[in-house]
Amino acid sequence: MASRPPDNEDDARTRFFVIAATRLVGAALVLVGILGLAGRIAIPGVAAYGFLAFGLFDVFVVPQVLARKWRTPEQ
């Protein structure tokens, strides 16, 4: 399934900020997970590992998937 190119510069800018926001939220989740595992915030250990795992997934995998989906097709 081929993705379509952005209609204008605003679409490209929006996609860039969505990818950046995804990485930022992922980093925040990793931080919450680490703080939970260290005992600095009161969350169960299972939840802390969940935050850590989902945050790492959100930082490393989701932006790659979005970039691949939104890539401009070769001409």
C-alpha atoms as a PDB file:
ATOM      1  CA  MET A   1       0.000   0.000   0.000  1.00  0.00           C
ATOM      2  CA  ALA A   2       1.656   3.187  -1.180  1.00  0.00           C
ATOM      3  CA  SER A   3       1.475   6.279   0.976  1.00  0.00           C
ATOM      4  CA  ARG A   4       0.623   9.571  -0.570  1.00  0.00           C
ATOM      5  CA  PRO A   5       2.936  12.579  -0.461  1.00  0.00           C
ATOM      6  CA  PRO A   6       1.971  15.503   1.792  1.00  0.00           C
ATOM      7  CA  ASP A   7      -0.455  17.870   0.107  1.00  0.00           C
ATOM      8  CA  ASN A   8       1.433  20.895   1.269  1.00  0.00           C
ATOM      9  CA  GLU A   9       4.099  22.068   3.636  1.00  0.00           C
ATOM     10  CA  ASP A  10       1.635  22.169   6.548  1.00  0.00           C
ATOM     11  CA  ASP A  11       1.096  18.401   6.299  1.00  0.00           C
ATOM     12  CA  ALA A  12       4.834  17.785   6.379  1.00  0.00           C
ATOM     13  CA  ARG A  13       5.256  20.101   9.367  1.00  0.00           C
ATOM     14  CA  THR A  14       2.398  18.397  11.217  1.00  0.00           C
ATOM     15  CA  ARG A  15       3.883  14.963  10.566  1.00  0.00           C
ATOM     16  CA  PHE A  16       7.273  16.115  11.838  1.00  0.00           C
ATOM     17  CA  PHE A  17       5.734  17.399  15.067  1.00  0.00           C
ATOM     18  CA  VAL A  18       3.708  14.204  15.542  1.00  0.00           C
ATOM     19  CA  ILE A  19       6.892  12.139  15.298  1.00  0.00           C
ATOM     20  CA  ALA A  20       8.726  14.499  17.667  1.00  0.00           C
ATOM     21  CA  ALA A  21       5.837  14.424  20.159  1.00  0.00           C
ATOM     22  CA  THR A  22       5.776  10.625  19.997  1.00  0.00           C
ATOM     23  CA  ARG A  23       9.449  10.494  20.948  1.00  0.00           C
ATOM     24  CA  LEU A  24       8.948  13.032  23.742  1.00  0.00           C
ATOM     25  CA  VAL A  25       6.023  11.123  25.261  1.00  0.00           C
ATOM     26  CA  GLY A  26       8.034   7.905  25.015  1.00  0.00           C
ATOM     27  CA  ALA A  27      10.953   9.502  26.839  1.00  0.00           C
ATOM     28  CA  ALA A  28       8.600  10.704  29.576  1.00  0.00           C
ATOM     29  CA  LEU A  29       7.196   7.181  29.953  1.00  0.00           C
ATOM     30  CA  VAL A  30      10.716   5.760  30.249  1.00  0.00           C
ATOM     31  CA  LEU A  31      11.489   8.324  32.949  1.00  0.00           C
ATOM     32  CA  VAL A  32       8.325   7.425  34.875  1.00  0.00           C
ATOM     33  CA  GLY A  33       9.235   3.743  34.600  1.00  0.00           C
ATOM     34  CA  ILE A  34      12.739   4.324  35.888  1.00  0.00           C
ATOM     35  CA  LEU A  35      11.488   6.489  38.759  1.00  0.00           C
ATOM     36  CA  GLY A  36       8.937   3.827  39.648  1.00  0.00           C
ATOM     37  CA  LEU A  37      11.536   1.080  39.687  1.00  0.00           C
ATOM     38  CA  ALA A  38      13.846   3.224  41.828  1.00  0.00           C
ATOM     39  CA  GLY A  39      11.065   3.804  44.351  1.00  0.00           C
ATOM     40  CA  ARG A  40      10.943   7.567  43.801  1.00  0.00           C
ATOM     41  CA  ILE A  41       7.253   7.465  42.836  1.00  0.00           C
ATOM     42  CA  ALA A  42       4.645   5.130  44.258  1.00  0.00           C
ATOM     43  CA  ILE A  43       3.600   2.798  41.457  1.00  0.00           C
ATOM     44  CA  PRO A  44       3.625  -1.007  41.439  1.00  0.00           C
ATOM     45  CA  GLY A  45       6.675  -2.692  39.917  1.00  0.00           C
ATOM     46  CA  VAL A  46       4.616  -4.285  37.154  1.00  0.00           C
ATOM     47  CA  ALA A  47       3.305  -0.870  36.107  1.00  0.00           C
ATOM     48  CA  ALA A  48       6.818   0.575  36.189  1.00  0.00           C
ATOM     49  CA  TYR A  49       8.074  -2.163  33.872  1.00  0.00           C
ATOM     50  CA  GLY A  50       5.060  -1.531  31.633  1.00  0.00           C
ATOM     51  CA  PHE A  51       5.827   2.188  31.446  1.00  0.00           C
ATOM     52  CA  LEU A  52       9.456   1.426  30.711  1.00  0.00           C
ATOM     53  CA  ALA A  53       8.675  -1.099  27.964  1.00  0.00           C
ATOM     54  CA  PHE A  54       5.968   0.988  26.323  1.00  0.00           C
ATOM     55  CA  GLY A  55       8.157   4.101  26.521  1.00  0.00           C
ATOM     56  CA  LEU A  56      11.062   2.351  24.794  1.00  0.00           C
ATOM     57  CA  PHE A  57       8.674   1.063  22.128  1.00  0.00           C
ATOM     58  CA  ASP A  58       7.292   4.585  21.721  1.00  0.00           C
ATOM     59  CA  VAL A  59      10.762   6.109  21.353  1.00  0.00           C
ATOM     60  CA  PHE A  60      12.343   3.592  18.981  1.00  0.00           C
ATOM     61  CA  VAL A  61       9.626   1.765  17.020  1.00  0.00           C
ATOM     62  CA  VAL A  62       6.624   4.058  16.564  1.00  0.00           C
ATOM     63  CA  PRO A  63       8.524   6.967  14.910  1.00  0.00           C
ATOM     64  CA  GLN A  64      10.101   4.537  12.439  1.00  0.00           C
ATOM     65  CA  VAL A  65       6.708   3.082  11.561  1.00  0.00           C
ATOM     66  CA  LEU A  66       5.198   6.536  11.089  1.00  0.00           C
ATOM     67  CA  ALA A  67       8.126   7.729   8.979  1.00  0.00           C
ATOM     68  CA  ARG A  68       7.866   4.656   6.775  1.00  0.00           C
ATOM     69  CA  LYS A  69       4.101   5.119   6.423  1.00  0.00           C
ATOM     70  CA  TRP A  70       4.444   8.799   5.528  1.00  0.00           C
ATOM     71  CA  ARG A  71       7.486   8.433   3.280  1.00  0.00           C
ATOM     72  CA  THR A  72       7.185  10.137  -0.101  1.00  0.00           C
ATOM     73  CA  PRO A  73       7.016   7.474  -2.823  1.00  0.00           C
ATOM     74  CA  GLU A  74       9.920   7.327  -5.252  1.00  0.00           C
ATOM     75  CA  GLN A  75       9.178   8.741  -8.671  1.00  0.00           C
END
